[in-house]
């Protein structure tokens, strides 16, 4: 295996691990904000989110909250990716020339829709 393929694989693995960590950290932080003292052990939440089909010590309510926060994080990431694709398309079409210009256009459009 050449070094380039190895480096790409390694980088992809590191990015995946970092994304998973950030997502799990977000879910735990948000659950803690909602549950306070009734927050389950972090390891139990991580284990549940990594494999929801396995037996867990989380209550049904905690499972629902964990899944809801996971979906909330995924929704934010999806919107960000959509905005990145919009920016790329608008830049290629000559409609915007900078990220700042795109963000200003995006914000004005969202303000008008609200």
C-alpha atoms as a PDB file:
ATOM      1  CA  UNK A   1       0.000   0.000   0.000  1.00  0.00           C
ATOM      2  CA  UNK A   2       1.477   3.352  -0.937  1.00  0.00           C
ATOM      3  CA  UNK A   3       1.877   6.153   1.602  1.00  0.00           C
ATOM      4  CA  UNK A   4      -0.834   8.348   0.085  1.00  0.00           C
ATOM      5  CA  UNK A   5      -3.537   5.700   0.480  1.00  0.00           C
ATOM      6  CA  UNK A   6      -2.396   4.969   4.017  1.00  0.00           C
ATOM      7  CA  UNK A   7      -2.401   8.660   4.931  1.00  0.00           C
ATOM      8  CA  UNK A   8      -5.911   9.130   3.501  1.00  0.00           C
ATOM      9  CA  UNK A   9      -7.208   6.100   5.363  1.00  0.00           C
ATOM     10  CA  UNK A  10      -5.579   7.258   8.576  1.00  0.00           C
ATOM     11  CA  UNK A  11      -6.956  10.790   8.165  1.00  0.00           C
ATOM     12  CA  UNK A  12     -10.442   9.424   7.424  1.00  0.00           C
ATOM     13  CA  UNK A  13     -10.266   7.253  10.539  1.00  0.00           C
ATOM     14  CA  UNK A  14      -9.153  10.214  12.688  1.00  0.00           C
ATOM     15  CA  UNK A  15     -11.927  12.422  11.294  1.00  0.00           C
ATOM     16  CA  UNK A  16     -14.519   9.732  11.954  1.00  0.00           C
ATOM     17  CA  UNK A  17     -13.325   9.305  15.534  1.00  0.00           C
ATOM     18  CA  UNK A  18     -13.374  13.070  16.126  1.00  0.00           C
ATOM     19  CA  UNK A  19     -16.879  13.426  14.660  1.00  0.00           C
ATOM     20  CA  UNK A  20     -18.186  10.600  16.820  1.00  0.00           C
ATOM     21  CA  UNK A  21     -16.585  12.110  19.921  1.00  0.00           C
ATOM     22  CA  UNK A  22     -18.011  15.573  19.215  1.00  0.00           C
ATOM     23  CA  UNK A  23     -21.466  14.136  18.575  1.00  0.00           C
ATOM     24  CA  UNK A  24     -21.467  12.023  21.738  1.00  0.00           C
ATOM     25  CA  UNK A  25     -20.132  14.964  23.770  1.00  0.00           C
ATOM     26  CA  UNK A  26     -22.943  17.159  22.408  1.00  0.00           C
ATOM     27  CA  UNK A  27     -25.625  14.594  23.277  1.00  0.00           C
ATOM     28  CA  UNK A  28     -24.265  14.140  26.798  1.00  0.00           C
ATOM     29  CA  UNK A  29     -23.993  17.902  27.376  1.00  0.00           C
ATOM     30  CA  UNK A  30     -27.562  18.465  26.200  1.00  0.00           C
ATOM     31  CA  UNK A  31     -28.898  15.545  28.233  1.00  0.00           C
ATOM     32  CA  UNK A  32     -27.135  16.896  31.321  1.00  0.00           C
ATOM     33  CA  UNK A  33     -28.787  20.294  30.756  1.00  0.00           C
ATOM     34  CA  UNK A  34     -32.225  18.639  30.674  1.00  0.00           C
ATOM     35  CA  UNK A  35     -31.785  15.935  33.318  1.00  0.00           C
ATOM     36  CA  UNK A  36     -29.464  17.624  35.808  1.00  0.00           C
ATOM     37  CA  UNK A  37     -28.990  15.314  38.807  1.00  0.00           C
ATOM     38  CA  UNK A  38     -30.909  12.512  37.079  1.00  0.00           C
ATOM     39  CA  UNK A  39     -28.272  12.263  34.328  1.00  0.00           C
ATOM     40  CA  UNK A  40     -27.222   8.641  33.753  1.00  0.00           C
ATOM     41  CA  UNK A  41     -23.588   7.550  33.572  1.00  0.00           C
ATOM     42  CA  UNK A  42     -21.841   8.916  30.467  1.00  0.00           C
ATOM     43  CA  UNK A  43     -20.526   5.461  29.562  1.00  0.00           C
ATOM     44  CA  UNK A  44     -24.101   4.118  29.510  1.00  0.00           C
ATOM     45  CA  UNK A  45     -25.201   6.918  27.161  1.00  0.00           C
ATOM     46  CA  UNK A  46     -22.184   6.362  24.865  1.00  0.00           C
ATOM     47  CA  UNK A  47     -22.776   2.603  24.785  1.00  0.00           C
ATOM     48  CA  UNK A  48     -26.465   3.070  24.007  1.00  0.00           C
ATOM     49  CA  UNK A  49     -25.811   5.507  21.148  1.00  0.00           C
ATOM     50  CA  UNK A  50     -23.126   3.299  19.637  1.00  0.00           C
ATOM     51  CA  UNK A  51     -25.477   0.298  19.634  1.00  0.00           C
ATOM     52  CA  UNK A  52     -29.130   1.128  20.467  1.00  0.00           C
ATOM     53  CA  UNK A  53     -30.150  -2.499  19.921  1.00  0.00           C
ATOM     54  CA  UNK A  54     -28.148  -3.772  22.877  1.00  0.00           C
ATOM     55  CA  UNK A  55     -29.480  -4.030  26.404  1.00  0.00           C
ATOM     56  CA  UNK A  56     -29.008  -0.763  28.297  1.00  0.00           C
ATOM     57  CA  UNK A  57     -29.332   0.634  31.797  1.00  0.00           C
ATOM     58  CA  UNK A  58     -30.943   3.814  30.443  1.00  0.00           C
ATOM     59  CA  UNK A  59     -34.628   4.321  31.133  1.00  0.00           C
ATOM     60  CA  UNK A  60     -36.984   4.599  28.180  1.00  0.00           C
ATOM     61  CA  UNK A  61     -37.191   8.353  28.764  1.00  0.00           C
ATOM     62  CA  UNK A  62     -33.395   8.661  28.773  1.00  0.00           C
ATOM     63  CA  UNK A  63     -33.190   6.619  25.573  1.00  0.00           C
ATOM     64  CA  UNK A  64     -35.734   8.900  23.873  1.00  0.00           C
ATOM     65  CA  UNK A  65     -33.881  12.006  25.034  1.00  0.00           C
ATOM     66  CA  UNK A  66     -30.520  10.639  23.871  1.00  0.00           C
ATOM     67  CA  UNK A  67     -31.939   9.791  20.441  1.00  0.00           C
ATOM     68  CA  UNK A  68     -33.669  13.175  20.201  1.00  0.00           C
ATOM     69  CA  UNK A  69     -30.410  15.009  20.940  1.00  0.00           C
ATOM     70  CA  UNK A  70     -28.570  12.802  18.441  1.00  0.00           C
ATOM     71  CA  UNK A  71     -31.120  13.661  15.750  1.00  0.00           C
ATOM     72  CA  UNK A  72     -30.936  17.345  16.702  1.00  0.00           C
ATOM     73  CA  UNK A  73     -27.159  17.291  16.150  1.00  0.00           C
ATOM     74  CA  UNK A  74     -27.577  15.473  12.832  1.00  0.00           C
ATOM     75  CA  UNK A  75     -30.116  18.071  11.687  1.00  0.00           C
ATOM     76  CA  UNK A  76     -27.706  20.929  12.437  1.00  0.00           C
ATOM     77  CA  UNK A  77     -24.917  19.146  10.546  1.00  0.00           C
ATOM     78  CA  UNK A  78     -27.219  18.460   7.593  1.00  0.00           C
ATOM     79  CA  UNK A  79     -28.183  22.141   7.355  1.00  0.00           C
ATOM     80  CA  UNK A  80     -24.531  23.134   7.497  1.00  0.00           C
ATOM     81  CA  UNK A  81     -23.671  20.779   4.644  1.00  0.00           C
ATOM     82  CA  UNK A  82     -26.590  22.148   2.606  1.00  0.00           C
ATOM     83  CA  UNK A  83     -25.326  25.678   3.151  1.00  0.00           C
ATOM     84  CA  UNK A  84     -21.837  24.644   2.072  1.00  0.00           C
ATOM     85  CA  UNK A  85     -23.218  23.164  -1.151  1.00  0.00           C
ATOM     86  CA  UNK A  86     -25.301  26.304  -1.738  1.00  0.00           C
ATOM     87  CA  UNK A  87     -22.235  28.479  -1.257  1.00  0.00           C
ATOM     88  CA  UNK A  88     -20.183  26.399  -3.682  1.00  0.00           C
ATOM     89  CA  UNK A  89     -22.931  26.489  -6.326  1.00  0.00           C
ATOM     90  CA  UNK A  90     -23.542  30.221  -5.921  1.00  0.00           C
ATOM     91  CA  UNK A  91     -19.827  30.983  -6.047  1.00  0.00           C
ATOM     92  CA  UNK A  92     -19.374  28.910  -9.218  1.00  0.00           C
ATOM     93  CA  UNK A  93     -22.353  30.734 -10.757  1.00  0.00           C
ATOM     94  CA  UNK A  94     -20.798  34.098  -9.895  1.00  0.00           C
ATOM     95  CA  UNK A  95     -23.661  35.044  -7.586  1.00  0.00           C
ATOM     96  CA  UNK A  96     -21.352  35.513  -4.569  1.00  0.00           C
ATOM     97  CA  UNK A  97     -17.625  36.095  -4.327  1.00  0.00           C
ATOM     98  CA  UNK A  98     -16.912  35.470  -0.631  1.00  0.00           C
ATOM     99  CA  UNK A  99     -18.227  33.582   2.371  1.00  0.00           C
ATOM    100  CA  UNK A 100     -19.138  36.894   4.015  1.00  0.00           C
ATOM    101  CA  UNK A 101     -21.226  37.863   0.992  1.00  0.00           C
ATOM    102  CA  UNK A 102     -22.929  34.466   1.006  1.00  0.00           C
ATOM    103  CA  UNK A 103     -23.684  34.657   4.742  1.00  0.00           C
ATOM    104  CA  UNK A 104     -25.152  38.129   4.366  1.00  0.00           C
ATOM    105  CA  UNK A 105     -27.375  36.892   1.542  1.00  0.00           C
ATOM    106  CA  UNK A 106     -28.329  33.804   3.521  1.00  0.00           C
ATOM    107  CA  UNK A 107     -29.206  35.807   6.634  1.00  0.00           C
ATOM    108  CA  UNK A 108     -31.289  38.335   4.706  1.00  0.00           C
ATOM    109  CA  UNK A 109     -33.222  35.496   3.077  1.00  0.00           C
ATOM    110  CA  UNK A 110     -33.888  33.807   6.398  1.00  0.00           C
ATOM    111  CA  UNK A 111     -34.972  37.080   7.994  1.00  0.00           C
ATOM    112  CA  UNK A 112     -37.484  37.689   5.199  1.00  0.00           C
ATOM    113  CA  UNK A 113     -38.888  34.159   5.633  1.00  0.00           C
ATOM    114  CA  UNK A 114     -39.438  34.551   9.371  1.00  0.00           C
END
